[in-house]
Structure formats: structure tokens, C-alpha cells
C-alpha atoms as a PDB file:
ATOM      1  CA  MET A   1      21.337  -1.198  74.276  1.00  0.00           C
ATOM      2  CA  ARG A   2      21.976  -3.685  71.520  1.00  0.00           C
ATOM      3  CA  GLY A   3      18.373  -3.350  70.386  1.00  0.00           C
ATOM      4  CA  HIS A   4      18.800   0.421  70.292  1.00  0.00           C
ATOM      5  CA  LEU A   5      21.890   0.064  68.089  1.00  0.00           C
ATOM      6  CA  GLN A   6      20.054  -2.310  65.753  1.00  0.00           C
ATOM      7  CA  THR A   7      17.165   0.144  65.440  1.00  0.00           C
ATOM      8  CA  GLU A   8      19.564   2.985  64.717  1.00  0.00           C
ATOM      9  CA  SER A   9      21.434   0.878  62.166  1.00  0.00           C
ATOM     10  CA  THR A  10      18.181  -0.122  60.462  1.00  0.00           C
ATOM     11  CA  THR A  11      17.065   3.495  60.359  1.00  0.00           C
ATOM     12  CA  THR A  12      20.410   4.539  58.840  1.00  0.00           C
ATOM     13  CA  MET A  13      20.216   1.812  56.151  1.00  0.00           C
ATOM     14  CA  ALA A  14      16.641   2.775  55.269  1.00  0.00           C
ATOM     15  CA  SER A  15      17.700   6.396  55.043  1.00  0.00           C
ATOM     16  CA  THR A  16      20.575   5.405  52.760  1.00  0.00           C
ATOM     17  CA  ARG A  17      18.211   3.413  50.528  1.00  0.00           C
ATOM     18  CA  LYS A  18      15.869   6.394  50.294  1.00  0.00           C
ATOM     19  CA  ARG A  19      18.747   8.662  49.328  1.00  0.00           C
ATOM     20  CA  THR A  20      19.848   6.115  46.720  1.00  0.00           C
ATOM     21  CA  ARG A  21      16.344   5.960  45.251  1.00  0.00           C
ATOM     22  CA  ALA A  22      16.075   9.724  45.324  1.00  0.00           C
ATOM     23  CA  SER A  23      19.460  10.012  43.657  1.00  0.00           C
ATOM     24  CA  SER A  24      18.363   7.517  40.987  1.00  0.00           C
ATOM     25  CA  SER A  25      15.134   9.423  40.441  1.00  0.00           C
ATOM     26  CA  SER A  26      17.044  12.672  40.194  1.00  0.00           C
ATOM     27  CA  SER A  27      19.313  11.054  37.607  1.00  0.00           C
ATOM     28  CA  GLU A  28      16.270  10.085  35.498  1.00  0.00           C
ATOM     29  CA  ASP A  29      14.888  13.585  35.713  1.00  0.00           C
ATOM     30  CA  SER A  30      18.176  14.977  34.453  1.00  0.00           C
ATOM     31  CA  ASP A  31      18.124  12.850  31.291  1.00  0.00           C
ATOM     32  CA  ALA A  32      17.455  16.006  29.333  1.00  0.00           C
ATOM     33  CA  ASP A  33      20.738  17.511  30.473  1.00  0.00           C
ATOM     34  CA  THR A  34      22.849  14.384  30.054  1.00  0.00           C
ATOM     35  CA  GLY A  35      21.302  13.635  26.672  1.00  0.00           C
ATOM     36  CA  LEU A  36      21.566  17.103  25.195  1.00  0.00           C
ATOM     37  CA  ASN A  37      24.822  18.288  26.733  1.00  0.00           C
ATOM     38  CA  ASN A  38      26.844  15.110  26.249  1.00  0.00           C
ATOM     39  CA  SER A  39      30.390  15.946  25.163  1.00  0.00           C
ATOM     40  CA  THR A  40      32.219  12.716  25.896  1.00  0.00           C
ATOM     41  CA  ASN A  41      34.696  12.056  23.108  1.00  0.00           C
ATOM     42  CA  ALA A  42      35.519  15.468  21.718  1.00  0.00           C
ATOM     43  CA  PRO A  43      34.452  19.064  22.287  1.00  0.00           C
ATOM     44  CA  ARG A  44      31.230  19.780  20.414  1.00  0.00           C
ATOM     45  CA  LYS A  45      29.438  23.000  19.645  1.00  0.00           C
ATOM     46  CA  ALA A  46      26.653  24.026  21.964  1.00  0.00           C
ATOM     47  CA  LEU A  47      23.202  23.022  20.768  1.00  0.00           C
ATOM     48  CA  LYS A  48      21.422  25.766  18.876  1.00  0.00           C
ATOM     49  CA  VAL A  49      18.051  24.880  20.345  1.00  0.00           C
ATOM     50  CA  PHE A  50      16.529  28.327  19.855  1.00  0.00           C
ATOM     51  CA  GLU A  51      17.524  28.472  16.184  1.00  0.00           C
ATOM     52  CA  ILE A  52      16.392  24.907  15.482  1.00  0.00           C
ATOM     53  CA  ARG A  53      13.058  25.628  17.187  1.00  0.00           C
ATOM     54  CA  ASP A  54      12.624  28.677  14.903  1.00  0.00           C
ATOM     55  CA  LEU A  55      13.559  26.560  11.865  1.00  0.00           C
ATOM     56  CA  VAL A  56      10.999  23.883  12.783  1.00  0.00           C
ATOM     57  CA  THR A  57       8.307  26.548  13.182  1.00  0.00           C
ATOM     58  CA  GLN A  58       9.095  28.006   9.754  1.00  0.00           C
ATOM     59  CA  LEU A  59       9.285  24.589   8.090  1.00  0.00           C
ATOM     60  CA  ARG A  60       5.807  23.769   9.340  1.00  0.00           C
ATOM     61  CA  ALA A  61       4.489  27.147   8.197  1.00  0.00           C
ATOM     62  CA  GLU A  62       6.136  27.260   4.757  1.00  0.00           C
ATOM     63  CA  CYS A  63       6.352  23.576   3.746  1.00  0.00           C
ATOM     64  CA  GLY A  64       3.354  22.124   5.574  1.00  0.00           C
ATOM     65  CA  SER A  65       1.810  20.413   2.543  1.00  0.00           C
ATOM     66  CA  GLU A  66       5.140  18.987   1.384  1.00  0.00           C
ATOM     67  CA  LEU A  67       6.375  17.588   4.705  1.00  0.00           C
ATOM     68  CA  PRO A  68       4.014  14.556   4.827  1.00  0.00           C
ATOM     69  CA  ARG A  69       5.498  13.299   1.536  1.00  0.00           C
ATOM     70  CA  LEU A  70       9.100  13.408   2.778  1.00  0.00           C
ATOM     71  CA  SER A  71      11.000  10.898   4.893  1.00  0.00           C
ATOM     72  CA  ALA A  72      12.300  12.016   8.293  1.00  0.00           C
ATOM     73  CA  ARG A  73      15.760  11.425   6.797  1.00  0.00           C
ATOM     74  CA  HIS A  74      15.182  14.050   4.096  1.00  0.00           C
ATOM     75  CA  ASP A  75      17.965  16.630   3.869  1.00  0.00           C
ATOM     76  CA  VAL A  76      16.534  19.732   5.575  1.00  0.00           C
ATOM     77  CA  SER A  77      19.074  21.956   3.808  1.00  0.00           C
ATOM     78  CA  LYS A  78      17.374  21.171   0.461  1.00  0.00           C
ATOM     79  CA  LEU A  79      14.123  22.662   1.746  1.00  0.00           C
ATOM     80  CA  VAL A  80      15.989  25.716   2.983  1.00  0.00           C
ATOM     81  CA  GLU A  81      17.465  26.139  -0.511  1.00  0.00           C
ATOM     82  CA  LYS A  82      14.093  25.625  -2.161  1.00  0.00           C
ATOM     83  CA  TYR A  83      12.102  28.198  -0.171  1.00  0.00           C
ATOM     84  CA  LYS A  84      13.274  31.798  -0.245  1.00  0.00           C
ATOM     85  CA  SER A  85      11.542  32.523   3.073  1.00  0.00           C
ATOM     86  CA  LEU A  86      13.904  30.015   4.729  1.00  0.00           C
ATOM     87  CA  GLU A  87      17.104  31.737   3.559  1.00  0.00           C
ATOM     88  CA  PRO A  88      17.861  33.116   7.072  1.00  0.00           C
ATOM     89  CA  PHE A  89      18.511  29.510   8.149  1.00  0.00           C
ATOM     90  CA  LYS A  90      21.178  28.754   5.515  1.00  0.00           C
ATOM     91  CA  ASP A  91      24.084  29.225   7.906  1.00  0.00           C
ATOM     92  CA  LEU A  92      22.392  26.987  10.456  1.00  0.00           C
ATOM     93  CA  VAL A  93      21.726  24.029   8.126  1.00  0.00           C
ATOM     94  CA  ASN A  94      25.117  24.332   6.415  1.00  0.00           C
ATOM     95  CA  ASP A  95      26.931  24.090   9.737  1.00  0.00           C
ATOM     96  CA  PRO A  96      28.811  20.721   9.745  1.00  0.00           C
ATOM     97  CA  ASP A  97      27.405  20.032  13.218  1.00  0.00           C
ATOM     98  CA  PHE A  98      23.766  20.648  12.228  1.00  0.00           C
ATOM     99  CA  ASP A  99      22.903  17.030  11.369  1.00  0.00           C
ATOM    100  CA  ARG A 100      24.178  15.776  14.724  1.00  0.00           C
ATOM    101  CA  GLN A 101      22.277  18.449  16.619  1.00  0.00           C
ATOM    102  CA  TRP A 102      19.070  17.831  14.646  1.00  0.00           C
ATOM    103  CA  LYS A 103      19.225  14.061  15.259  1.00  0.00           C
ATOM    104  CA  LEU A 104      20.050  14.564  18.939  1.00  0.00           C
ATOM    105  CA  LEU A 105      17.064  16.837  19.479  1.00  0.00           C
ATOM    106  CA  PHE A 106      14.794  14.560  17.450  1.00  0.00           C
ATOM    107  CA  GLY A 107      15.905  11.516  19.432  1.00  0.00           C
ATOM    108  CA  TYR A 108      15.182  13.236  22.715  1.00  0.00           C
ATOM    109  CA  ALA A 109      11.863  14.684  21.506  1.00  0.00           C
ATOM    110  CA  THR A 110      10.566  11.237  20.524  1.00  0.00           C
ATOM    111  CA  ARG A 111      11.407   9.468  23.785  1.00  0.00           C
ATOM    112  CA  PRO A 112       8.247   7.854  25.184  1.00  0.00           C
ATOM    113  CA  LYS A 113       8.287  10.140  28.221  1.00  0.00           C
ATOM    114  CA  ASN A 114       8.279  13.217  25.965  1.00  0.00           C
ATOM    115  CA  ILE A 115       5.366  12.340  23.669  1.00  0.00           C
ATOM    116  CA  THR A 116       1.690  11.652  24.264  1.00  0.00           C
ATOM    117  CA  LEU A 117      -0.266   8.549  23.356  1.00  0.00           C
ATOM    118  CA  ALA A 118      -1.866  10.620  20.585  1.00  0.00           C
ATOM    119  CA  ASP A 119       1.607  11.248  19.145  1.00  0.00           C
ATOM    120  CA  SER A 120       2.654   7.596  19.345  1.00  0.00           C
ATOM    121  CA  THR A 121      -0.576   6.277  17.801  1.00  0.00           C
ATOM    122  CA  GLN A 122      -0.241   8.796  14.955  1.00  0.00           C
ATOM    123  CA  ILE A 123       3.326   7.654  14.253  1.00  0.00           C
ATOM    124  CA  LEU A 124       2.257   3.999  14.379  1.00  0.00           C
ATOM    125  CA  ASN A 125      -0.724   4.687  12.131  1.00  0.00           C
ATOM    126  CA  ASN A 126       1.442   6.434   9.529  1.00  0.00           C
ATOM    127  CA  PHE A 127       3.746   3.412   9.461  1.00  0.00           C
ATOM    128  CA  LEU A 128       1.045   0.739   9.455  1.00  0.00           C
ATOM    129  CA  GLU A 129      -0.853   2.412   6.580  1.00  0.00           C
ATOM    130  CA  ASN A 130       2.149   2.168   4.226  1.00  0.00           C
ATOM    131  CA  GLY A 131       1.833  -0.209   1.285  1.00  0.00           C
ATOM    132  CA  HIS A 132       4.911  -2.362   1.899  1.00  0.00           C
ATOM    133  CA  VAL A 133       4.040  -2.867   5.590  1.00  0.00           C
ATOM    134  CA  VAL A 134       1.247  -5.234   4.503  1.00  0.00           C
ATOM    135  CA  THR A 135       3.921  -7.942   4.196  1.00  0.00           C
ATOM    136  CA  PHE A 136       4.166  -7.970   8.017  1.00  0.00           C
ATOM    137  CA  PHE A 137       0.440  -8.594   8.505  1.00  0.00           C
ATOM    138  CA  GLU A 138      -0.849 -11.907   9.805  1.00  0.00           C
ATOM    139  CA  GLY A 139      -1.925 -14.184   6.981  1.00  0.00           C
ATOM    140  CA  PHE A 140       0.131 -12.456   4.266  1.00  0.00           C
ATOM    141  CA  PRO A 141       1.190 -15.288   1.930  1.00  0.00           C
ATOM    142  CA  LYS A 142       4.699 -16.641   1.860  1.00  0.00           C
ATOM    143  CA  LYS A 143       6.784 -15.226  -0.984  1.00  0.00           C
ATOM    144  CA  ALA A 144       7.329 -17.485  -4.001  1.00  0.00           C
ATOM    145  CA  ARG A 145      10.685 -19.210  -4.265  1.00  0.00           C
ATOM    146  CA  ARG A 146      12.870 -18.860  -7.343  1.00  0.00           C
ATOM    147  CA  ALA A 147      14.015 -21.812  -9.421  1.00  0.00           C
ATOM    148  CA  ILE A 148      17.603 -21.307  -8.312  1.00  0.00           C
ATOM    149  CA  ASP A 149      16.512 -21.363  -4.656  1.00  0.00           C
ATOM    150  CA  TYR A 150      14.848 -24.758  -5.159  1.00  0.00           C
ATOM    151  CA  TYR A 151      17.958 -26.007  -6.940  1.00  0.00           C
ATOM    152  CA  VAL A 152      20.474 -24.909  -4.291  1.00  0.00           C
ATOM    153  CA  SER A 153      18.249 -26.112  -1.453  1.00  0.00           C
ATOM    154  CA  GLU A 154      18.033 -29.603  -2.949  1.00  0.00           C
ATOM    155  CA  LYS A 155      21.652 -29.927  -4.068  1.00  0.00           C
ATOM    156  CA  LYS A 156      23.491 -28.600  -1.012  1.00  0.00           C
ATOM    157  CA  THR A 157      24.510 -30.827   1.894  1.00  0.00           C
ATOM    158  CA  PRO A 158      24.372 -30.116   5.660  1.00  0.00           C
ATOM    159  CA  ASN A 159      28.099 -29.297   5.524  1.00  0.00           C
ATOM    160  CA  SER A 160      27.872 -26.968   2.513  1.00  0.00           C
ATOM    161  CA  THR A 161      29.573 -23.590   2.898  1.00  0.00           C
ATOM    162  CA  VAL A 162      28.613 -20.238   1.403  1.00  0.00           C
ATOM    163  CA  ALA A 163      31.236 -20.847  -1.287  1.00  0.00           C
ATOM    164  CA  ASP A 164      29.622 -24.197  -2.098  1.00  0.00           C
ATOM    165  CA  SER A 165      26.243 -22.502  -2.514  1.00  0.00           C
ATOM    166  CA  GLY A 166      27.872 -19.986  -4.852  1.00  0.00           C
ATOM    167  CA  LYS A 167      29.219 -22.804  -7.013  1.00  0.00           C
ATOM    168  CA  LEU A 168      25.775 -24.402  -7.151  1.00  0.00           C
ATOM    169  CA  ARG A 169      24.262 -21.115  -8.312  1.00  0.00           C
ATOM    170  CA  LYS A 170      26.742 -20.955 -11.180  1.00  0.00           C
ATOM    171  CA  GLN A 171      26.155 -24.620 -11.962  1.00  0.00           C
ATOM    172  CA  PHE A 172      22.389 -24.045 -12.192  1.00  0.00           C
ATOM    173  CA  THR A 173      22.602 -22.128 -15.479  1.00  0.00           C
ATOM    174  CA  THR A 174      24.160 -25.072 -17.331  1.00  0.00           C
ATOM    175  CA  ASP A 175      22.528 -28.001 -15.532  1.00  0.00           C
ATOM    176  CA  PRO A 176      20.195 -29.908 -17.921  1.00  0.00           C
ATOM    177  CA  ASP A 177      17.889 -30.617 -14.965  1.00  0.00           C
ATOM    178  CA  ALA A 178      17.345 -26.893 -14.321  1.00  0.00           C
ATOM    179  CA  GLU A 179      13.991 -27.030 -16.126  1.00  0.00           C
ATOM    180  CA  ILE A 180      12.610 -29.227 -13.316  1.00  0.00           C
ATOM    181  CA  TYR A 181      13.251 -26.450 -10.811  1.00  0.00           C
ATOM    182  CA  ARG A 182      11.882 -23.789 -13.142  1.00  0.00           C
ATOM    183  CA  LYS A 183       8.597 -25.678 -13.250  1.00  0.00           C
ATOM    184  CA  LYS A 184       8.572 -25.819  -9.453  1.00  0.00           C
ATOM    185  CA  ALA A 185       9.154 -22.065  -9.329  1.00  0.00           C
ATOM    186  CA  ASP A 186       6.360 -21.472 -11.863  1.00  0.00           C
ATOM    187  CA  ALA A 187       3.949 -23.480  -9.723  1.00  0.00           C
ATOM    188  CA  ASP A 188       4.975 -21.618  -6.574  1.00  0.00           C
ATOM    189  CA  ARG A 189       4.589 -18.280  -8.356  1.00  0.00           C
ATOM    190  CA  ASP A 190       1.045 -19.254  -9.353  1.00  0.00           C
ATOM    191  CA  ARG A 191       0.345 -20.247  -5.746  1.00  0.00           C
ATOM    192  CA  PHE A 192       1.676 -16.911  -4.467  1.00  0.00           C
ATOM    193  CA  ALA A 193      -0.443 -14.937  -6.959  1.00  0.00           C
ATOM    194  CA  ARG A 194      -3.604 -16.840  -5.977  1.00  0.00           C
ATOM    195  CA  GLU A 195      -2.965 -16.375  -2.274  1.00  0.00           C
ATOM    196  CA  LEU A 196      -2.202 -12.676  -2.744  1.00  0.00           C
ATOM    197  CA  GLN A 197      -5.508 -12.192  -4.530  1.00  0.00           C
ATOM    198  CA  ALA A 198      -7.362 -14.114  -1.811  1.00  0.00           C
ATOM    199  CA  PHE A 199      -5.654 -12.078   0.926  1.00  0.00           C
ATOM    200  CA  ASN A 200      -6.618  -8.856  -0.853  1.00  0.00           C
ATOM    201  CA  ASP A 201     -10.236  -9.985  -1.360  1.00  0.00           C
ATOM    202  CA  ASN A 202     -10.658 -11.209   2.219  1.00  0.00           C
ATOM    203  CA  ASN A 203      -9.277  -8.040   3.810  1.00  0.00           C
ATOM    204  CA  GLN A 204     -10.820  -5.283   1.694  1.00  0.00           C
ATOM    205  CA  GLU A 205     -12.310  -3.580   4.743  1.00  0.00           C
ATOM    206  CA  ARG A 206      -9.063  -3.590   6.711  1.00  0.00           C
ATOM    207  CA  LEU A 207      -6.418  -2.753   4.112  1.00  0.00           C
ATOM    208  CA  SER A 208      -5.479   0.825   3.244  1.00  0.00           C
ATOM    209  CA  GLU A 209      -5.523   1.949  -0.395  1.00  0.00           C
ATOM    210  CA  PRO A 210      -1.694   1.993  -0.612  1.00  0.00           C
ATOM    211  CA  GLN A 211      -1.691  -1.603   0.665  1.00  0.00           C
ATOM    212  CA  LYS A 212      -4.294  -2.731  -1.869  1.00  0.00           C
ATOM    213  CA  GLU A 213      -2.300  -1.117  -4.654  1.00  0.00           C
ATOM    214  CA  TYR A 214       0.907  -2.727  -3.365  1.00  0.00           C
ATOM    215  CA  ILE A 215      -0.731  -6.168  -3.576  1.00  0.00           C
ATOM    216  CA  ARG A 216      -2.169  -5.486  -7.048  1.00  0.00           C
ATOM    217  CA  GLN A 217       1.274  -4.429  -8.255  1.00  0.00           C
ATOM    218  CA  ARG A 218       2.852  -7.577  -6.856  1.00  0.00           C
ATOM    219  CA  ILE A 219       0.260  -9.669  -8.721  1.00  0.00           C
ATOM    220  CA  ARG A 220       0.957  -7.753 -11.965  1.00  0.00           C
ATOM    221  CA  ASN A 221       4.695  -8.306 -11.538  1.00  0.00           C
ATOM    222  CA  LEU A 222       4.155 -12.031 -11.040  1.00  0.00           C
ATOM    223  CA  ALA A 223       2.120 -12.173 -14.251  1.00  0.00           C
ATOM    224  CA  VAL A 224       4.908 -10.425 -16.172  1.00  0.00           C
ATOM    225  CA  LYS A 225       7.482 -12.896 -14.821  1.00  0.00           C
ATOM    226  CA  ALA A 226       5.253 -15.788 -15.835  1.00  0.00           C
ATOM    227  CA  ASP A 227       5.002 -14.438 -19.383  1.00  0.00           C
ATOM    228  CA  GLY A 228       8.750 -13.920 -19.456  1.00  0.00           C
ATOM    229  CA  THR A 229       9.488 -17.580 -18.816  1.00  0.00           C
ATOM    230  CA  THR A 230       8.590 -18.404 -22.444  1.00  0.00           C
ATOM    231  CA  LYS A 231      11.510 -17.789 -24.736  1.00  0.00           C
ATOM    232  CA  ARG A 232      10.851 -15.301 -27.500  1.00  0.00           C
ATOM    233  CA  PRO A 233      11.423 -16.706 -30.985  1.00  0.00           C
ATOM    234  CA  ARG A 234      14.619 -15.510 -32.583  1.00  0.00           C
ATOM    235  CA  LYS A 235      14.195 -12.943 -35.320  1.00  0.00           C
ATOM    236  CA  SER A 236      14.729 -14.446 -38.748  1.00  0.00           C
ATOM    237  CA  ARG A 237      17.619 -13.288 -40.878  1.00  0.00           C
ATOM    238  CA  LYS A 238      16.694 -11.011 -43.763  1.00  0.00           C
ATOM    239  CA  THR A 239      16.915 -12.549 -47.216  1.00  0.00           C
ATOM    240  CA  ALA A 240      18.528 -10.828 -50.183  1.00  0.00           C
ATOM    241  CA  PHE A 241      15.047 -10.065 -51.504  1.00  0.00           C
ATOM    242  CA  ASP A 242      14.060  -8.524 -48.145  1.00  0.00           C
ATOM    243  CA  TRP A 243      16.991  -6.127 -48.450  1.00  0.00           C
ATOM    244  CA  TYR A 244      15.938  -5.300 -52.017  1.00  0.00           C
ATOM    245  CA  LYS A 245      12.376  -4.530 -50.819  1.00  0.00           C
ATOM    246  CA  ASP A 246      13.664  -2.282 -48.047  1.00  0.00           C
ATOM    247  CA  LEU A 247      15.844  -0.299 -50.431  1.00  0.00           C
ATOM    248  CA  ASN A 248      12.919   0.125 -52.839  1.00  0.00           C
ATOM    249  CA  ALA A 249      10.259   0.855 -50.229  1.00  0.00           C
ATOM    250  CA  ALA A 250       8.714   3.691 -52.261  1.00  0.00           C
ATOM    251  CA  GLU A 251       7.976   1.501 -55.287  1.00  0.00           C
ATOM    252  CA  PHE A 252       4.405   0.167 -55.583  1.00  0.00           C
ATOM    253  CA  ALA A 253       3.754   1.458 -52.052  1.00  0.00           C
ATOM    254  CA  ASP A 254       0.060   1.982 -52.876  1.00  0.00           C
ATOM    255  CA  LEU A 255      -0.499  -1.718 -53.701  1.00  0.00           C
ATOM    256  CA  PRO A 256      -1.489  -4.518 -51.284  1.00  0.00           C
ATOM    257  CA  GLU A 257       1.549  -6.290 -49.820  1.00  0.00           C
ATOM    258  CA  GLU A 258       1.234  -9.538 -51.801  1.00  0.00           C
ATOM    259  CA  LYS A 259       0.753  -7.776 -55.154  1.00  0.00           C
ATOM    260  CA  ARG A 260       3.614  -5.401 -54.383  1.00  0.00           C
ATOM    261  CA  ASP A 261       5.924  -8.312 -53.524  1.00  0.00           C
ATOM    262  CA  ARG A 262       5.121 -10.048 -56.838  1.00  0.00           C
ATOM    263  CA  LYS A 263       5.950  -6.954 -58.870  1.00  0.00           C
ATOM    264  CA  LEU A 264       9.160  -6.304 -56.916  1.00  0.00           C
ATOM    265  CA  LEU A 265      10.210  -9.950 -57.285  1.00  0.00           C
ATOM    266  CA  LYS A 266       9.906  -9.682 -61.086  1.00  0.00           C
ATOM    267  CA  LYS A 267      12.219  -6.675 -61.040  1.00  0.00           C
ATOM    268  CA  TYR A 268      14.553  -8.383 -58.587  1.00  0.00           C
ATOM    269  CA  ASN A 269      14.905 -11.421 -60.858  1.00  0.00           C
ATOM    270  CA  LYS A 270      15.983  -9.148 -63.704  1.00  0.00           C
ATOM    271  CA  LEU A 271      18.970  -7.756 -61.764  1.00  0.00           C
ATOM    272  CA  SER A 272      22.464  -8.429 -63.055  1.00  0.00           C
ATOM    273  CA  GLU A 273      24.694 -10.930 -61.253  1.00  0.00           C
ATOM    274  CA  ALA A 274      26.790  -8.082 -59.827  1.00  0.00           C
ATOM    275  CA  GLU A 275      23.680  -6.372 -58.401  1.00  0.00           C
ATOM    276  CA  LEU A 276      22.336  -9.634 -56.969  1.00  0.00           C
ATOM    277  CA  ALA A 277      25.717 -10.259 -55.319  1.00  0.00           C
ATOM    278  CA  ILE A 278      25.360  -6.984 -53.381  1.00  0.00           C
ATOM    279  CA  PHE A 279      22.047  -8.048 -51.834  1.00  0.00           C
ATOM    280  CA  GLU A 280      23.315 -11.573 -51.178  1.00  0.00           C
ATOM    281  CA  LYS A 281      26.233 -10.081 -49.297  1.00  0.00           C
ATOM    282  CA  LEU A 282      23.915  -7.887 -47.207  1.00  0.00           C
ATOM    283  CA  ALA A 283      21.813 -10.923 -46.344  1.00  0.00           C
ATOM    284  CA  GLY A 284      24.878 -12.926 -45.380  1.00  0.00           C
ATOM    285  CA  ASN A 285      26.514 -10.311 -43.142  1.00  0.00           C
ATOM    286  CA  LYS A 286      23.618  -8.572 -41.348  1.00  0.00           C
ATOM    287  CA  LYS A 287      20.697  -9.594 -39.189  1.00  0.00           C
ATOM    288  CA  SER A 288      17.374  -7.859 -39.067  1.00  0.00           C
ATOM    289  CA  GLU A 289      17.095  -5.269 -36.332  1.00  0.00           C
END
């Protein structure tokens, strides 16, 4: 008798487990309903699935060549404004609830269970072909450190706070030892440029064109920064005679510069004291532009 009860109890428990699994499975299958009809916090408008499906169809038909150049975050209403054939969808895209509905449908449509492996590999390929994504690739060189980064790293202590680091950054601009860290940064920038070039050369077969161009641009930018580290000489102040030459630019314009200057200087030396004072004042108050 007791064995019979145990068997019955075991059968009941197994049946309960099956129902639980079935219930769980049913819950998974109804993800579409719970995901698309969720109205937890506040009443929301019903999804306009039919209208959005029609909009998507028309977008693909009318803007097909333009869509690949736009981010998924692009404002759809701008395309509707741009193309006259999409005017019937103005009310739809101008509805305050449109963005939420669009994102909700997109989120559901791109769930792994709703797309094929062909879809997922295409999405991954589009991402991995982008220029900036090359920075995630194995072997991509470590970015060069700035002079101020070297400075703060060396000067701060284990107990330094964010505020302390901020003070060090301000201190860097007036510290006489800053040049030491600038030289370190210059050397690291040279290292980064060399390694970028080597990475580009060694992976020509594997890198996409946007990625090659991204690397070339980074190398060009590093070269510009290197050139910019040398201070440009200050422009010299114009002399009184320079101002006289500028104001008499048409005179002796057909002569070589040296001969012209000699002739103008003779005339300049014959000016009265009052006239000379005018040019001296110009030279004293203004800098060359």
C-alpha cells in the first residue's frame, strides 16, 4: 500500500514538473506578446505594426541607396520629409509615441531567435569592416601617452585623489621640468607611428580599405603633432621704414626688391621730422599682422 502511495506521489510530482516545464516553454513562446504589448507603468498607444511595416517597405524602396550610409539611430522623420513619396507617413513619424514603437519593434526583430545566421553575420561584418573598429583588433599598437599623462603618473602618490590629479595637471604648464615629459611623449608618439605603420604593412590582406585609411590618417595626425611641438618664431615688429614702404607700395613696384628699398630709403630719409614721427608712432604702437 505504502509502495503504491509512493508511486502515485512520484507520478504526481513528475506530472507537476512537466506542467512547470510546459508552462515555462509556453512563457518563452509568448515573448512576442509580452514584449510588444507591455504597458506596465502608464497606458501606451497600441503598436501601429501595420503602418510601420508599410513605412519600412517604402523606405527600402525609395531610399535604398541612402540607407547604408545612415546610422540606425538616424531620425526617420527626416527621410519622410525629404522624399515626397513618403508624405503619407508624416502623421505616423510625427506621433510622439513613434520613436518608442520603432525601437520596441526593432529590439524584438533583432533578438537572436528572430534572425538567421546570415543576418547576424551581415551585421557583424558591417561593424567589423568599419575603420575605427581596427583599434579592437589583436596586435593593434598601444596609443601614445601625452606629456601630461607621464607627468601626472610620476608625480601622484598611491593616496592621490581626483582633485590632486587636477592640481598636478594645472601645475604641469608652469613646471620647469615639463620639457622632460614632453620628450618622453615625443618618443612614445614616434613609437606609436612606427608600430601603426608596421601593423598596416603586416595586415594588408586582412584590413578593409576604411581601416587602412583610418590608420594612415592616424599616422598623418601624429606627424602634424610632432611638427607642432616646435614653437613658431614670433613675428617681428614692423619698423617705421616698413610702414613707409607699405604706404608707398605702388612706388618703384617694377624694380627688384633690393633696388626698390634703396630708392624708397632715400625718399624716407628726406622726410620732415613731423612726417618721420608719424611712422615712428605706427611702429611703436602696432605689430605686424
